[in-house]
Amino acid sequence: MAESDHLLDLQHLKTYFYTFEGVARAVDDVSFFLDPGEVLGIVGESGCGKSVTAQSIMRLIPQPPGKIVEGRILFDGRDLVRLSMGEMRGIRGNRIAMIFQEPMTSLNPVYTIGNQISEMFRLHMGLGRREGLNRAVEMLKKVQIPAPEKRVGEYPHQLSGGMRQRAMIAMALACDPEILIADEPTTALDVTVQAQILDLMLKLKEDFDTAIMMITHDLGVIAEIARRVVVMYAGRIVEEAETVPLFEDPKHPYTQGLLRSIPKLGRRGAGERTRLVEIKGIVPGLLDLPEGCRFSPRCPQVMGICRKKDPPLGRIGPGRTVRCWLYFDEPGKD
């Protein structure tokens, strides 16, 4: 039996994709943990490895071309990497559930909402069709969908974007999972519906005592609901800290750039910056990663060693780690 003091514990996870052009190291030596009832934020730009990390936990990496090549994913004393697909099916959707980015493509268009939610009860709890549909109505009530008795008989295209997302949450929480992975759950929604979905997720977390891993590029969402934050860039963790210290005093230049790019309310002429500060350049392609620090081509504080040697991910305080040469001594550093 694997051992860990945490509900979920990723240890040096590496997930690579093998293509004709080369090996894409989408997740490259990633370690973090999640405790019961905790909300953990995973943030970063598109292409930084957030979704692939989530898919690795769920064992949903398409093989080929993808493969978990190294590391452990410890959950309840078991290493998910070493489980058979049959054993994973008993965990996936039952004890660890996931909300995907776009509910319209995640929900099956030829089955009713009630059928798709009740399937969770039939597969994992052995309930009959009628009892499963009754439980589906109860779940739609919990996620505050109006007229749930009617909605169970409707198809995904008949629901609004907000309702489809609520239906996805109902499906994910159907079996009272211990972990809910939410992959950009509010991206396709307008601001008002986003706020409603976030409030709903926090309420359901309290009701079900579910740990949540919130994956997003929106730091405003993280500030509202997460206790700890993991910042990823080009397949690696570059900073980890509790939410308040991270927002008040970001250490990694990439985290600083993300926070500077958040719009802030202020009066013109009052001495406050009114233009957003962009992070120059783009996330490097995984098949053409720069030598040394992967953020060095975009970093405003780059040094000579940054372009030559990859910095370690080191601890700089209680519960706080950063991957940057600004905080570590190295012979020959300039």
C-alpha atoms as a PDB file:
ATOM      1  CA  MET A   1       0.000   0.000   0.000  1.00  0.00           C
ATOM      2  CA  ALA A   2       1.225   3.498  -0.876  1.00  0.00           C
ATOM      3  CA  GLU A   3       1.414   5.935   2.010  1.00  0.00           C
ATOM      4  CA  SER A   4       0.531   9.626   2.205  1.00  0.00           C
ATOM      5  CA  ASP A   5      -0.886  11.964   4.829  1.00  0.00           C
ATOM      6  CA  HIS A   6      -3.030  13.686   2.189  1.00  0.00           C
ATOM      7  CA  LEU A   7      -6.258  12.771   0.412  1.00  0.00           C
ATOM      8  CA  LEU A   8      -4.552  13.157  -2.974  1.00  0.00           C
ATOM      9  CA  ASP A   9      -0.790  13.354  -3.385  1.00  0.00           C
ATOM     10  CA  LEU A  10       0.963  13.789  -6.738  1.00  0.00           C
ATOM     11  CA  GLN A  11       4.634  12.901  -6.539  1.00  0.00           C
ATOM     12  CA  HIS A  12       6.982  13.801  -9.436  1.00  0.00           C
ATOM     13  CA  LEU A  13       4.325  13.169 -12.079  1.00  0.00           C
ATOM     14  CA  LYS A  14       5.480  13.154 -15.694  1.00  0.00           C
ATOM     15  CA  THR A  15       3.050  12.811 -18.591  1.00  0.00           C
ATOM     16  CA  TYR A  16       4.526  12.933 -22.086  1.00  0.00           C
ATOM     17  CA  PHE A  17       3.057  12.822 -25.589  1.00  0.00           C
ATOM     18  CA  TYR A  18       5.057  10.997 -28.234  1.00  0.00           C
ATOM     19  CA  THR A  19       4.595  12.545 -31.681  1.00  0.00           C
ATOM     20  CA  PHE A  20       6.314  12.370 -35.066  1.00  0.00           C
ATOM     21  CA  GLU A  21       7.919  15.750 -34.323  1.00  0.00           C
ATOM     22  CA  GLY A  22       9.273  14.691 -30.928  1.00  0.00           C
ATOM     23  CA  VAL A  23       8.326  14.241 -27.274  1.00  0.00           C
ATOM     24  CA  ALA A  24       6.016  16.854 -25.729  1.00  0.00           C
ATOM     25  CA  ARG A  25       6.595  17.004 -21.973  1.00  0.00           C
ATOM     26  CA  ALA A  26       3.131  18.287 -21.077  1.00  0.00           C
ATOM     27  CA  VAL A  27       3.493  17.537 -17.357  1.00  0.00           C
ATOM     28  CA  ASP A  28       7.110  17.432 -16.254  1.00  0.00           C
ATOM     29  CA  ASP A  29       7.904  16.540 -12.629  1.00  0.00           C
ATOM     30  CA  VAL A  30       4.779  17.963 -10.962  1.00  0.00           C
ATOM     31  CA  SER A  31       4.154  17.420  -7.224  1.00  0.00           C
ATOM     32  CA  PHE A  32       1.344  18.795  -5.054  1.00  0.00           C
ATOM     33  CA  PHE A  33      -1.299  17.573  -2.614  1.00  0.00           C
ATOM     34  CA  LEU A  34      -4.973  18.058  -1.792  1.00  0.00           C
ATOM     35  CA  ASP A  35      -6.510  17.603   1.656  1.00  0.00           C
ATOM     36  CA  PRO A  36     -10.134  16.698   2.550  1.00  0.00           C
ATOM     37  CA  GLY A  37     -12.555  19.608   2.149  1.00  0.00           C
ATOM     38  CA  GLU A  38      -9.860  21.896   0.713  1.00  0.00           C
ATOM     39  CA  VAL A  39     -10.108  24.099  -2.390  1.00  0.00           C
ATOM     40  CA  LEU A  40      -6.843  24.116  -4.351  1.00  0.00           C
ATOM     41  CA  GLY A  41      -6.356  26.450  -7.314  1.00  0.00           C
ATOM     42  CA  ILE A  42      -4.265  25.439 -10.331  1.00  0.00           C
ATOM     43  CA  VAL A  43      -3.538  28.494 -12.492  1.00  0.00           C
ATOM     44  CA  GLY A  44      -1.593  29.386 -15.606  1.00  0.00           C
ATOM     45  CA  GLU A  45      -1.987  30.309 -19.270  1.00  0.00           C
ATOM     46  CA  SER A  46      -3.329  27.911 -21.875  1.00  0.00           C
ATOM     47  CA  GLY A  47      -0.789  25.228 -22.687  1.00  0.00           C
ATOM     48  CA  CYS A  48       0.889  25.178 -19.265  1.00  0.00           C
ATOM     49  CA  GLY A  49      -0.237  21.616 -18.375  1.00  0.00           C
ATOM     50  CA  LYS A  50      -3.222  22.220 -16.075  1.00  0.00           C
ATOM     51  CA  SER A  51      -5.752  20.100 -17.956  1.00  0.00           C
ATOM     52  CA  VAL A  52      -3.261  17.320 -18.722  1.00  0.00           C
ATOM     53  CA  THR A  53      -2.507  17.107 -14.988  1.00  0.00           C
ATOM     54  CA  ALA A  54      -6.226  16.660 -14.294  1.00  0.00           C
ATOM     55  CA  GLN A  55      -6.600  14.076 -17.062  1.00  0.00           C
ATOM     56  CA  SER A  56      -3.597  12.198 -15.655  1.00  0.00           C
ATOM     57  CA  ILE A  57      -5.278  12.000 -12.243  1.00  0.00           C
ATOM     58  CA  MET A  58      -8.424  10.631 -13.885  1.00  0.00           C
ATOM     59  CA  ARG A  59      -6.352   8.313 -16.123  1.00  0.00           C
ATOM     60  CA  LEU A  60      -7.960   9.832 -19.220  1.00  0.00           C
ATOM     61  CA  ILE A  61      -4.744  10.398 -21.172  1.00  0.00           C
ATOM     62  CA  PRO A  62      -5.177   8.944 -24.696  1.00  0.00           C
ATOM     63  CA  GLN A  63      -2.671   6.133 -25.194  1.00  0.00           C
ATOM     64  CA  PRO A  64      -1.058   6.520 -27.682  1.00  0.00           C
ATOM     65  CA  PRO A  65       0.257   9.193 -28.050  1.00  0.00           C
ATOM     66  CA  GLY A  66       0.175  10.078 -24.341  1.00  0.00           C
ATOM     67  CA  LYS A  67       1.694   8.188 -21.445  1.00  0.00           C
ATOM     68  CA  ILE A  68       2.335   8.683 -17.738  1.00  0.00           C
ATOM     69  CA  VAL A  69       6.023   7.888 -17.795  1.00  0.00           C
ATOM     70  CA  GLU A  70       6.964   8.511 -14.176  1.00  0.00           C
ATOM     71  CA  GLY A  71       5.634   9.471 -10.754  1.00  0.00           C
ATOM     72  CA  ARG A  72       2.836   8.484  -8.406  1.00  0.00           C
ATOM     73  CA  ILE A  73      -0.749   9.648  -7.882  1.00  0.00           C
ATOM     74  CA  LEU A  74      -1.631   8.544  -4.362  1.00  0.00           C
ATOM     75  CA  PHE A  75      -5.299   8.403  -3.375  1.00  0.00           C
ATOM     76  CA  ASP A  76      -6.560   6.686  -0.245  1.00  0.00           C
ATOM     77  CA  GLY A  77      -3.454   4.533   0.048  1.00  0.00           C
ATOM     78  CA  ARG A  78      -3.442   3.461  -3.611  1.00  0.00           C
ATOM     79  CA  ASP A  79      -1.324   4.587  -6.531  1.00  0.00           C
ATOM     80  CA  LEU A  80      -3.771   5.389  -9.341  1.00  0.00           C
ATOM     81  CA  VAL A  81      -1.023   5.048 -11.950  1.00  0.00           C
ATOM     82  CA  ARG A  82      -0.739   1.339 -11.207  1.00  0.00           C
ATOM     83  CA  LEU A  83      -4.456   0.490 -11.137  1.00  0.00           C
ATOM     84  CA  SER A  84      -6.117  -1.404 -13.956  1.00  0.00           C
ATOM     85  CA  MET A  85      -8.691   0.442 -16.075  1.00  0.00           C
ATOM     86  CA  GLY A  86     -11.405  -1.649 -14.423  1.00  0.00           C
ATOM     87  CA  GLU A  87     -10.272  -0.497 -10.992  1.00  0.00           C
ATOM     88  CA  MET A  88     -10.117   3.109 -12.225  1.00  0.00           C
ATOM     89  CA  ARG A  89     -13.706   2.928 -13.469  1.00  0.00           C
ATOM     90  CA  GLY A  90     -14.746   2.148  -9.902  1.00  0.00           C
ATOM     91  CA  ILE A  91     -13.041   5.362  -8.726  1.00  0.00           C
ATOM     92  CA  ARG A  92     -13.681   7.691 -11.671  1.00  0.00           C
ATOM     93  CA  GLY A  93     -17.023   9.433 -11.272  1.00  0.00           C
ATOM     94  CA  ASN A  94     -17.612   7.699  -7.969  1.00  0.00           C
ATOM     95  CA  ARG A  95     -14.855   8.877  -5.614  1.00  0.00           C
ATOM     96  CA  ILE A  96     -13.092  11.356  -7.926  1.00  0.00           C
ATOM     97  CA  ALA A  97     -15.295  13.329 -10.309  1.00  0.00           C
ATOM     98  CA  MET A  98     -14.504  15.923 -12.946  1.00  0.00           C
ATOM     99  CA  ILE A  99     -16.298  18.871 -14.531  1.00  0.00           C
ATOM    100  CA  PHE A 100     -14.954  19.457 -18.025  1.00  0.00           C
ATOM    101  CA  GLN A 101     -14.348  22.793 -19.735  1.00  0.00           C
ATOM    102  CA  GLU A 102     -17.278  22.895 -22.152  1.00  0.00           C
ATOM    103  CA  PRO A 103     -20.519  21.195 -21.013  1.00  0.00           C
ATOM    104  CA  MET A 104     -22.024  21.173 -24.516  1.00  0.00           C
ATOM    105  CA  THR A 105     -19.251  18.892 -25.766  1.00  0.00           C
ATOM    106  CA  SER A 106     -19.048  16.880 -22.521  1.00  0.00           C
ATOM    107  CA  LEU A 107     -22.741  16.001 -22.372  1.00  0.00           C
ATOM    108  CA  ASN A 108     -24.003  13.408 -24.849  1.00  0.00           C
ATOM    109  CA  PRO A 109     -26.425  15.177 -27.232  1.00  0.00           C
ATOM    110  CA  VAL A 110     -28.548  12.069 -27.920  1.00  0.00           C
ATOM    111  CA  TYR A 111     -29.383  11.281 -24.280  1.00  0.00           C
ATOM    112  CA  THR A 112     -31.555  13.291 -21.919  1.00  0.00           C
ATOM    113  CA  ILE A 113     -30.049  15.099 -18.955  1.00  0.00           C
ATOM    114  CA  GLY A 114     -31.880  12.768 -16.566  1.00  0.00           C
ATOM    115  CA  ASN A 115     -30.571   9.684 -18.339  1.00  0.00           C
ATOM    116  CA  GLN A 116     -26.965  10.899 -18.123  1.00  0.00           C
ATOM    117  CA  ILE A 117     -27.168  11.815 -14.437  1.00  0.00           C
ATOM    118  CA  SER A 118     -29.074   8.666 -13.443  1.00  0.00           C
ATOM    119  CA  GLU A 119     -26.420   6.561 -15.193  1.00  0.00           C
ATOM    120  CA  MET A 120     -24.042   7.506 -12.378  1.00  0.00           C
ATOM    121  CA  PHE A 121     -26.410   5.989  -9.821  1.00  0.00           C
ATOM    122  CA  ARG A 122     -26.994   2.874 -11.925  1.00  0.00           C
ATOM    123  CA  LEU A 123     -23.301   2.234 -12.545  1.00  0.00           C
ATOM    124  CA  HIS A 124     -21.877   2.980  -9.105  1.00  0.00           C
ATOM    125  CA  MET A 125     -24.809   2.283  -6.770  1.00  0.00           C
ATOM    126  CA  GLY A 126     -26.716  -0.402  -8.642  1.00  0.00           C
ATOM    127  CA  LEU A 127     -30.003   1.524  -8.648  1.00  0.00           C
ATOM    128  CA  GLY A 128     -32.802   0.776 -11.092  1.00  0.00           C
ATOM    129  CA  ARG A 129     -33.884   3.117 -13.860  1.00  0.00           C
ATOM    130  CA  ARG A 130     -36.828   4.708 -12.037  1.00  0.00           C
ATOM    131  CA  GLU A 131     -34.944   5.163  -8.771  1.00  0.00           C
ATOM    132  CA  GLY A 132     -31.976   6.573 -10.686  1.00  0.00           C
ATOM    133  CA  LEU A 133     -34.205   9.170 -12.363  1.00  0.00           C
ATOM    134  CA  ASN A 134     -35.692  10.136  -8.986  1.00  0.00           C
ATOM    135  CA  ARG A 135     -32.190  10.683  -7.637  1.00  0.00           C
ATOM    136  CA  ALA A 136     -31.355  12.712 -10.769  1.00  0.00           C
ATOM    137  CA  VAL A 137     -34.294  15.028  -9.993  1.00  0.00           C
ATOM    138  CA  GLU A 138     -32.968  15.443  -6.431  1.00  0.00           C
ATOM    139  CA  MET A 139     -29.513  16.376  -7.745  1.00  0.00           C
ATOM    140  CA  LEU A 140     -30.950  18.946 -10.159  1.00  0.00           C
ATOM    141  CA  LYS A 141     -32.781  20.494  -7.208  1.00  0.00           C
ATOM    142  CA  LYS A 142     -29.517  20.701  -5.255  1.00  0.00           C
ATOM    143  CA  VAL A 143     -27.804  22.562  -8.091  1.00  0.00           C
ATOM    144  CA  GLN A 144     -30.778  24.953  -8.227  1.00  0.00           C
ATOM    145  CA  ILE A 145     -32.111  24.126 -11.698  1.00  0.00           C
ATOM    146  CA  PRO A 146     -35.756  25.247 -11.899  1.00  0.00           C
ATOM    147  CA  ALA A 147     -38.466  22.696 -12.733  1.00  0.00           C
ATOM    148  CA  PRO A 148     -36.100  19.704 -12.330  1.00  0.00           C
ATOM    149  CA  GLU A 149     -38.905  17.200 -13.026  1.00  0.00           C
ATOM    150  CA  LYS A 150     -39.170  18.726 -16.515  1.00  0.00           C
ATOM    151  CA  ARG A 151     -35.438  19.170 -17.106  1.00  0.00           C
ATOM    152  CA  VAL A 152     -34.620  15.480 -16.609  1.00  0.00           C
ATOM    153  CA  GLY A 153     -36.501  14.753 -19.839  1.00  0.00           C
ATOM    154  CA  GLU A 154     -34.741  17.447 -21.885  1.00  0.00           C
ATOM    155  CA  TYR A 155     -31.642  17.195 -24.048  1.00  0.00           C
ATOM    156  CA  PRO A 156     -28.462  19.289 -23.614  1.00  0.00           C
ATOM    157  CA  HIS A 157     -29.272  21.629 -26.517  1.00  0.00           C
ATOM    158  CA  GLN A 158     -32.535  22.587 -24.793  1.00  0.00           C
ATOM    159  CA  LEU A 159     -30.694  24.010 -21.776  1.00  0.00           C
ATOM    160  CA  SER A 160     -28.833  27.313 -21.465  1.00  0.00           C
ATOM    161  CA  GLY A 161     -25.077  27.351 -20.902  1.00  0.00           C
ATOM    162  CA  GLY A 162     -25.520  27.978 -17.179  1.00  0.00           C
ATOM    163  CA  MET A 163     -28.018  25.143 -16.848  1.00  0.00           C
ATOM    164  CA  ARG A 164     -25.751  22.743 -18.731  1.00  0.00           C
ATOM    165  CA  GLN A 165     -22.909  23.604 -16.372  1.00  0.00           C
ATOM    166  CA  ARG A 166     -25.192  23.009 -13.380  1.00  0.00           C
ATOM    167  CA  ALA A 167     -26.202  19.676 -14.889  1.00  0.00           C
ATOM    168  CA  MET A 168     -22.511  18.753 -15.212  1.00  0.00           C
ATOM    169  CA  ILE A 169     -21.983  19.656 -11.552  1.00  0.00           C
ATOM    170  CA  ALA A 170     -25.021  17.546 -10.598  1.00  0.00           C
ATOM    171  CA  MET A 171     -23.567  14.604 -12.516  1.00  0.00           C
ATOM    172  CA  ALA A 172     -20.146  15.065 -10.939  1.00  0.00           C
ATOM    173  CA  LEU A 173     -21.568  15.212  -7.405  1.00  0.00           C
ATOM    174  CA  ALA A 174     -24.128  12.429  -7.899  1.00  0.00           C
ATOM    175  CA  CYS A 175     -22.128   9.819  -6.002  1.00  0.00           C
ATOM    176  CA  ASP A 176     -20.848  12.207  -3.303  1.00  0.00           C
ATOM    177  CA  PRO A 177     -17.188  12.104  -4.456  1.00  0.00           C
ATOM    178  CA  GLU A 178     -14.323  12.913  -2.147  1.00  0.00           C
ATOM    179  CA  ILE A 179     -12.614  14.994  -4.844  1.00  0.00           C
ATOM    180  CA  LEU A 180     -14.112  17.238  -7.517  1.00  0.00           C
ATOM    181  CA  ILE A 181     -11.798  18.396 -10.316  1.00  0.00           C
ATOM    182  CA  ALA A 182     -13.245  21.485 -12.005  1.00  0.00           C
ATOM    183  CA  ASP A 183     -11.466  22.240 -15.290  1.00  0.00           C
ATOM    184  CA  GLU A 184     -12.292  25.833 -16.297  1.00  0.00           C
ATOM    185  CA  PRO A 185     -15.930  25.402 -15.167  1.00  0.00           C
ATOM    186  CA  THR A 186     -16.893  29.045 -15.771  1.00  0.00           C
ATOM    187  CA  THR A 187     -14.947  29.915 -18.937  1.00  0.00           C
ATOM    188  CA  ALA A 188     -17.877  29.786 -21.393  1.00  0.00           C
ATOM    189  CA  LEU A 189     -20.310  31.578 -19.065  1.00  0.00           C
ATOM    190  CA  ASP A 190     -21.145  35.246 -18.674  1.00  0.00           C
ATOM    191  CA  VAL A 191     -20.014  37.065 -15.525  1.00  0.00           C
ATOM    192  CA  THR A 192     -23.346  36.829 -13.701  1.00  0.00           C
ATOM    193  CA  VAL A 193     -23.673  33.092 -14.279  1.00  0.00           C
ATOM    194  CA  GLN A 194     -20.001  32.616 -13.333  1.00  0.00           C
ATOM    195  CA  ALA A 195     -20.680  34.104  -9.910  1.00  0.00           C
ATOM    196  CA  GLN A 196     -23.722  31.860  -9.450  1.00  0.00           C
ATOM    197  CA  ILE A 197     -21.745  28.731 -10.382  1.00  0.00           C
ATOM    198  CA  LEU A 198     -18.901  29.617  -7.981  1.00  0.00           C
ATOM    199  CA  ASP A 199     -21.349  30.270  -5.133  1.00  0.00           C
ATOM    200  CA  LEU A 200     -23.050  26.974  -5.918  1.00  0.00           C
ATOM    201  CA  MET A 201     -19.765  25.040  -5.875  1.00  0.00           C
ATOM    202  CA  LEU A 202     -18.795  26.522  -2.504  1.00  0.00           C
ATOM    203  CA  LYS A 203     -22.213  25.680  -1.054  1.00  0.00           C
ATOM    204  CA  LEU A 204     -22.038  22.114  -2.351  1.00  0.00           C
ATOM    205  CA  LYS A 205     -18.497  21.786  -0.985  1.00  0.00           C
ATOM    206  CA  GLU A 206     -19.864  22.561   2.474  1.00  0.00           C
ATOM    207  CA  ASP A 207     -22.858  20.241   2.023  1.00  0.00           C
ATOM    208  CA  PHE A 208     -20.853  17.297   0.685  1.00  0.00           C
ATOM    209  CA  ASP A 209     -17.449  18.049   2.335  1.00  0.00           C
ATOM    210  CA  THR A 210     -15.860  17.590  -1.077  1.00  0.00           C
ATOM    211  CA  ALA A 211     -12.295  18.658  -1.828  1.00  0.00           C
ATOM    212  CA  ILE A 212     -12.122  20.780  -4.986  1.00  0.00           C
ATOM    213  CA  MET A 213      -9.275  21.206  -7.442  1.00  0.00           C
ATOM    214  CA  MET A 214     -10.134  24.366  -9.402  1.00  0.00           C
ATOM    215  CA  ILE A 215      -8.256  24.650 -12.699  1.00  0.00           C
ATOM    216  CA  THR A 216      -8.463  28.082 -14.306  1.00  0.00           C
ATOM    217  CA  HIS A 217      -6.570  30.942 -15.931  1.00  0.00           C
ATOM    218  CA  ASP A 218      -8.771  33.416 -14.024  1.00  0.00           C
ATOM    219  CA  LEU A 219      -7.001  34.608 -10.878  1.00  0.00           C
ATOM    220  CA  GLY A 220     -10.170  36.417  -9.805  1.00  0.00           C
ATOM    221  CA  VAL A 221     -11.897  33.042  -9.453  1.00  0.00           C
ATOM    222  CA  ILE A 222      -8.961  31.692  -7.439  1.00  0.00           C
ATOM    223  CA  ALA A 223      -8.982  34.690  -5.090  1.00  0.00           C
ATOM    224  CA  GLU A 224     -12.633  34.038  -4.337  1.00  0.00           C
ATOM    225  CA  ILE A 225     -12.654  30.341  -3.535  1.00  0.00           C
ATOM    226  CA  ALA A 226      -9.167  28.761  -3.148  1.00  0.00           C
ATOM    227  CA  ARG A 227      -7.136  28.311   0.037  1.00  0.00           C
ATOM    228  CA  ARG A 228      -3.889  27.406  -1.739  1.00  0.00           C
ATOM    229  CA  VAL A 229      -2.617  28.118  -5.245  1.00  0.00           C
ATOM    230  CA  VAL A 230      -0.316  26.189  -7.572  1.00  0.00           C
ATOM    231  CA  VAL A 231       1.028  28.244 -10.495  1.00  0.00           C
ATOM    232  CA  MET A 232       2.094  26.237 -13.565  1.00  0.00           C
ATOM    233  CA  TYR A 233       4.119  27.252 -16.591  1.00  0.00           C
ATOM    234  CA  ALA A 234       5.199  25.093 -19.549  1.00  0.00           C
ATOM    235  CA  GLY A 235       4.433  21.819 -17.776  1.00  0.00           C
ATOM    236  CA  ARG A 236       6.018  22.671 -14.433  1.00  0.00           C
ATOM    237  CA  ILE A 237       5.095  24.246 -11.125  1.00  0.00           C
ATOM    238  CA  VAL A 238       6.807  27.626 -10.744  1.00  0.00           C
ATOM    239  CA  GLU A 239       5.203  28.724  -7.467  1.00  0.00           C
ATOM    240  CA  GLU A 240       2.972  27.368  -4.708  1.00  0.00           C
ATOM    241  CA  ALA A 241       1.593  29.256  -1.716  1.00  0.00           C
ATOM    242  CA  GLU A 242      -1.518  30.011   0.274  1.00  0.00           C
ATOM    243  CA  THR A 243      -3.815  32.376  -1.587  1.00  0.00           C
ATOM    244  CA  VAL A 244      -3.477  35.542   0.508  1.00  0.00           C
ATOM    245  CA  PRO A 245       0.363  35.548   0.685  1.00  0.00           C
ATOM    246  CA  LEU A 246       0.554  34.773  -3.033  1.00  0.00           C
ATOM    247  CA  PHE A 247      -1.677  37.705  -3.987  1.00  0.00           C
ATOM    248  CA  GLU A 248      -0.029  40.093  -1.528  1.00  0.00           C
ATOM    249  CA  ASP A 249       3.560  39.170  -2.346  1.00  0.00           C
ATOM    250  CA  PRO A 250       4.042  37.032  -5.478  1.00  0.00           C
ATOM    251  CA  LYS A 251       7.586  35.743  -5.772  1.00  0.00           C
ATOM    252  CA  HIS A 252       8.016  34.288  -9.256  1.00  0.00           C
ATOM    253  CA  PRO A 253       8.207  36.834 -12.110  1.00  0.00           C
ATOM    254  CA  TYR A 254       5.535  34.843 -13.973  1.00  0.00           C
ATOM    255  CA  THR A 255       3.124  35.045 -11.021  1.00  0.00           C
ATOM    256  CA  GLN A 256       3.870  38.746 -10.731  1.00  0.00           C
ATOM    257  CA  GLY A 257       3.038  39.157 -14.404  1.00  0.00           C
ATOM    258  CA  LEU A 258      -0.242  37.267 -14.069  1.00  0.00           C
ATOM    259  CA  LEU A 259      -1.321  39.465 -11.165  1.00  0.00           C
ATOM    260  CA  ARG A 260      -0.313  42.689 -12.964  1.00  0.00           C
ATOM    261  CA  SER A 261      -2.504  41.680 -15.891  1.00  0.00           C
ATOM    262  CA  ILE A 262      -5.685  41.637 -13.760  1.00  0.00           C
ATOM    263  CA  PRO A 263      -7.920  44.671 -14.435  1.00  0.00           C
ATOM    264  CA  LYS A 264      -8.212  47.007 -11.440  1.00  0.00           C
ATOM    265  CA  LEU A 265     -10.829  49.646 -10.769  1.00  0.00           C
ATOM    266  CA  GLY A 266      -9.450  53.169 -10.359  1.00  0.00           C
ATOM    267  CA  ARG A 267     -10.007  56.744 -11.357  1.00  0.00           C
ATOM    268  CA  ARG A 268      -7.991  58.182 -14.204  1.00  0.00           C
ATOM    269  CA  GLY A 269      -5.637  60.866 -13.043  1.00  0.00           C
ATOM    270  CA  ALA A 270      -5.514  59.509  -9.498  1.00  0.00           C
ATOM    271  CA  GLY A 271      -1.995  58.153  -9.987  1.00  0.00           C
ATOM    272  CA  GLU A 272      -3.146  54.577 -10.629  1.00  0.00           C
ATOM    273  CA  ARG A 273      -2.164  52.540 -13.662  1.00  0.00           C
ATOM    274  CA  THR A 274      -5.105  52.225 -16.015  1.00  0.00           C
ATOM    275  CA  ARG A 275      -3.496  50.086 -18.745  1.00  0.00           C
ATOM    276  CA  LEU A 276      -3.039  46.355 -18.297  1.00  0.00           C
ATOM    277  CA  VAL A 277       0.556  45.132 -18.151  1.00  0.00           C
ATOM    278  CA  GLU A 278       1.061  42.220 -20.517  1.00  0.00           C
ATOM    279  CA  ILE A 279       3.515  39.360 -20.197  1.00  0.00           C
ATOM    280  CA  LYS A 280       5.541  39.692 -23.366  1.00  0.00           C
ATOM    281  CA  GLY A 281       5.835  36.720 -25.677  1.00  0.00           C
ATOM    282  CA  ILE A 282       3.923  33.433 -25.582  1.00  0.00           C
ATOM    283  CA  VAL A 283       4.140  30.109 -23.758  1.00  0.00           C
ATOM    284  CA  PRO A 284       6.847  28.060 -25.525  1.00  0.00           C
ATOM    285  CA  GLY A 285       5.872  25.026 -27.537  1.00  0.00           C
ATOM    286  CA  LEU A 286       6.403  21.785 -25.641  1.00  0.00           C
ATOM    287  CA  LEU A 287       8.468  20.440 -28.539  1.00  0.00           C
ATOM    288  CA  ASP A 288      10.787  23.455 -28.486  1.00  0.00           C
ATOM    289  CA  LEU A 289      11.400  24.364 -24.846  1.00  0.00           C
ATOM    290  CA  PRO A 290      14.143  26.913 -24.133  1.00  0.00           C
ATOM    291  CA  GLU A 291      17.359  25.910 -22.409  1.00  0.00           C
ATOM    292  CA  GLY A 292      17.516  26.716 -18.700  1.00  0.00           C
ATOM    293  CA  CYS A 293      14.464  28.317 -17.105  1.00  0.00           C
ATOM    294  CA  ARG A 294      11.425  27.878 -19.336  1.00  0.00           C
ATOM    295  CA  PHE A 295      10.211  31.385 -18.520  1.00  0.00           C
ATOM    296  CA  SER A 296      13.542  33.071 -19.289  1.00  0.00           C
ATOM    297  CA  PRO A 297      12.646  34.314 -22.829  1.00  0.00           C
ATOM    298  CA  ARG A 298       9.711  36.292 -21.342  1.00  0.00           C
ATOM    299  CA  CYS A 299      11.141  37.217 -17.941  1.00  0.00           C
ATOM    300  CA  PRO A 300      11.851  40.904 -17.195  1.00  0.00           C
ATOM    301  CA  GLN A 301      14.360  39.888 -14.485  1.00  0.00           C
ATOM    302  CA  VAL A 302      16.279  37.295 -16.489  1.00  0.00           C
ATOM    303  CA  MET A 303      19.945  36.676 -15.588  1.00  0.00           C
ATOM    304  CA  GLY A 304      22.695  34.835 -17.354  1.00  0.00           C
ATOM    305  CA  ILE A 305      22.247  31.613 -15.391  1.00  0.00           C
ATOM    306  CA  CYS A 306      18.526  31.565 -16.225  1.00  0.00           C
ATOM    307  CA  ARG A 307      19.343  30.858 -19.871  1.00  0.00           C
ATOM    308  CA  LYS A 308      21.820  28.113 -19.013  1.00  0.00           C
ATOM    309  CA  LYS A 309      20.478  26.106 -16.098  1.00  0.00           C
ATOM    310  CA  ASP A 310      16.998  25.079 -14.993  1.00  0.00           C
ATOM    311  CA  PRO A 311      16.256  26.447 -11.482  1.00  0.00           C
ATOM    312  CA  PRO A 312      15.144  24.079  -8.703  1.00  0.00           C
ATOM    313  CA  LEU A 313      11.701  24.196  -7.099  1.00  0.00           C
ATOM    314  CA  GLY A 314      12.706  25.117  -3.552  1.00  0.00           C
ATOM    315  CA  ARG A 315      11.057  26.071  -0.293  1.00  0.00           C
ATOM    316  CA  ILE A 316      11.358  29.745   0.710  1.00  0.00           C
ATOM    317  CA  GLY A 317       8.956  29.713   3.671  1.00  0.00           C
ATOM    318  CA  PRO A 318       6.235  27.676   5.406  1.00  0.00           C
ATOM    319  CA  GLY A 319       4.031  26.153   2.722  1.00  0.00           C
ATOM    320  CA  ARG A 320       5.714  28.250   0.042  1.00  0.00           C
ATOM    321  CA  THR A 321       7.861  27.092  -2.876  1.00  0.00           C
ATOM    322  CA  VAL A 322       9.205  28.840  -5.970  1.00  0.00           C
ATOM    323  CA  ARG A 323      11.222  27.847  -9.045  1.00  0.00           C
ATOM    324  CA  CYS A 324      13.480  30.859  -9.698  1.00  0.00           C
ATOM    325  CA  TRP A 325      17.196  31.694  -9.501  1.00  0.00           C
ATOM    326  CA  LEU A 326      16.353  34.988  -7.784  1.00  0.00           C
ATOM    327  CA  TYR A 327      15.934  33.043  -4.529  1.00  0.00           C
ATOM    328  CA  PHE A 328      18.714  30.457  -4.708  1.00  0.00           C
ATOM    329  CA  ASP A 329      22.466  30.728  -4.802  1.00  0.00           C
ATOM    330  CA  GLU A 330      24.394  28.909  -7.477  1.00  0.00           C
ATOM    331  CA  PRO A 331      28.142  28.976  -8.222  1.00  0.00           C
ATOM    332  CA  GLY A 332      28.652  31.061 -11.342  1.00  0.00           C
ATOM    333  CA  LYS A 333      25.342  32.872 -10.994  1.00  0.00           C
ATOM    334  CA  ASP A 334      25.499  36.299 -12.653  1.00  0.00           C
END
